[in-house]
């Protein structure tokens, strides 16, 4: 069973959203890293 275009788009969107949330959490926990670099 192949995924429809909508399912692929939703999967991509949520995976990107998850990555953004993880990166945002990392930056909030370690603000000095981004400032010093």
N, C-alpha and C. Protein backbone atom coordinates (compact mmCIF):
# COMPACT_ATOMS: atom_id res chain seq x y z
N UNK A 1 0.85 -1.20 0.00
CA UNK A 1 0.00 0.00 0.00
C UNK A 1 0.88 1.25 0.00
N UNK A 2 0.77 2.04 -1.06
CA UNK A 2 1.61 3.24 -1.15
C UNK A 2 0.90 4.43 -0.52
N UNK A 3 1.68 5.28 0.08
CA UNK A 3 1.12 6.46 0.73
C UNK A 3 0.67 7.47 -0.31
N UNK A 4 -0.44 8.14 -0.02
CA UNK A 4 -0.91 9.17 -0.94
C UNK A 4 -0.04 10.41 -0.80
N UNK A 5 -0.21 11.32 -1.72
CA UNK A 5 0.59 12.56 -1.68
C UNK A 5 0.32 13.32 -0.40
N UNK A 6 -0.93 13.34 0.04
CA UNK A 6 -1.29 14.05 1.27
C UNK A 6 -0.60 13.41 2.47
N UNK A 7 -0.59 12.08 2.51
CA UNK A 7 0.06 11.39 3.62
C UNK A 7 1.56 11.68 3.63
N UNK A 8 2.17 11.69 2.45
CA UNK A 8 3.60 12.00 2.37
C UNK A 8 3.86 13.43 2.84
N UNK A 9 3.00 14.36 2.42
CA UNK A 9 3.17 15.76 2.81
C UNK A 9 3.02 15.91 4.33
N UNK A 10 2.03 15.24 4.90
CA UNK A 10 1.83 15.33 6.35
C UNK A 10 2.99 14.71 7.10
N UNK A 11 3.47 13.58 6.61
CA UNK A 11 4.61 12.93 7.27
C UNK A 11 5.83 13.83 7.23
N UNK A 12 6.08 14.46 6.08
CA UNK A 12 7.21 15.37 5.94
C UNK A 12 7.04 16.57 6.86
N UNK A 13 5.83 17.14 6.86
CA UNK A 13 5.57 18.32 7.68
C UNK A 13 5.80 18.03 9.16
N UNK A 14 5.26 16.92 9.65
CA UNK A 14 5.40 16.61 11.07
C UNK A 14 6.83 16.24 11.43
N UNK A 15 7.55 15.62 10.52
CA UNK A 15 8.95 15.29 10.81
C UNK A 15 9.77 16.57 10.89
N UNK A 16 9.50 17.52 10.00
CA UNK A 16 10.20 18.80 10.04
C UNK A 16 9.84 19.56 11.31
N UNK A 17 8.56 19.52 11.68
CA UNK A 17 8.11 20.21 12.89
C UNK A 17 8.79 19.64 14.12
N UNK A 18 8.93 18.31 14.14
CA UNK A 18 9.59 17.65 15.27
C UNK A 18 11.04 18.08 15.36
N UNK A 19 11.72 18.14 14.22
CA UNK A 19 13.13 18.57 14.21
C UNK A 19 13.25 20.01 14.72
N UNK A 20 12.36 20.88 14.27
CA UNK A 20 12.39 22.28 14.71
C UNK A 20 12.17 22.38 16.21
N UNK A 21 11.22 21.59 16.73
CA UNK A 21 10.95 21.62 18.17
C UNK A 21 12.16 21.15 18.96
N UNK A 22 12.82 20.10 18.48
CA UNK A 22 14.00 19.57 19.17
C UNK A 22 15.13 20.60 19.15
N UNK A 23 15.36 21.21 18.00
CA UNK A 23 16.42 22.22 17.90
C UNK A 23 16.11 23.41 18.80
N UNK A 24 14.85 23.85 18.82
CA UNK A 24 14.47 24.98 19.66
C UNK A 24 14.70 24.65 21.13
N UNK A 25 14.37 23.44 21.53
CA UNK A 25 14.57 23.03 22.92
C UNK A 25 16.06 23.02 23.25
N UNK A 26 16.87 22.53 22.31
CA UNK A 26 18.32 22.49 22.53
C UNK A 26 18.87 23.91 22.69
N UNK A 27 18.41 24.83 21.86
CA UNK A 27 18.90 26.21 21.92
C UNK A 27 18.46 26.88 23.21
N UNK A 28 17.27 26.57 23.68
CA UNK A 28 16.79 27.17 24.93
C UNK A 28 17.58 26.64 26.11
N UNK A 29 17.99 25.38 26.05
CA UNK A 29 18.75 24.80 27.15
C UNK A 29 20.20 25.25 27.12
N UNK A 30 20.73 25.52 25.92
CA UNK A 30 22.14 25.89 25.77
C UNK A 30 22.29 27.18 24.98
N UNK A 31 21.82 28.31 25.53
CA UNK A 31 21.89 29.56 24.77
C UNK A 31 23.31 30.06 24.55
N UNK A 32 24.23 29.72 25.46
CA UNK A 32 25.60 30.22 25.34
C UNK A 32 26.32 29.63 24.14
N UNK A 33 25.93 28.43 23.74
CA UNK A 33 26.61 27.77 22.62
C UNK A 33 26.41 28.59 21.34
N UNK A 34 25.17 29.01 21.09
CA UNK A 34 24.91 29.76 19.86
C UNK A 34 25.52 31.15 19.94
N UNK A 35 25.55 31.75 21.12
CA UNK A 35 26.12 33.09 21.26
C UNK A 35 27.63 33.06 21.03
N UNK A 36 28.31 32.08 21.62
CA UNK A 36 29.76 32.01 21.50
C UNK A 36 30.20 31.61 20.10
N UNK A 37 29.38 30.81 19.42
CA UNK A 37 29.75 30.40 18.08
C UNK A 37 29.23 31.42 17.07
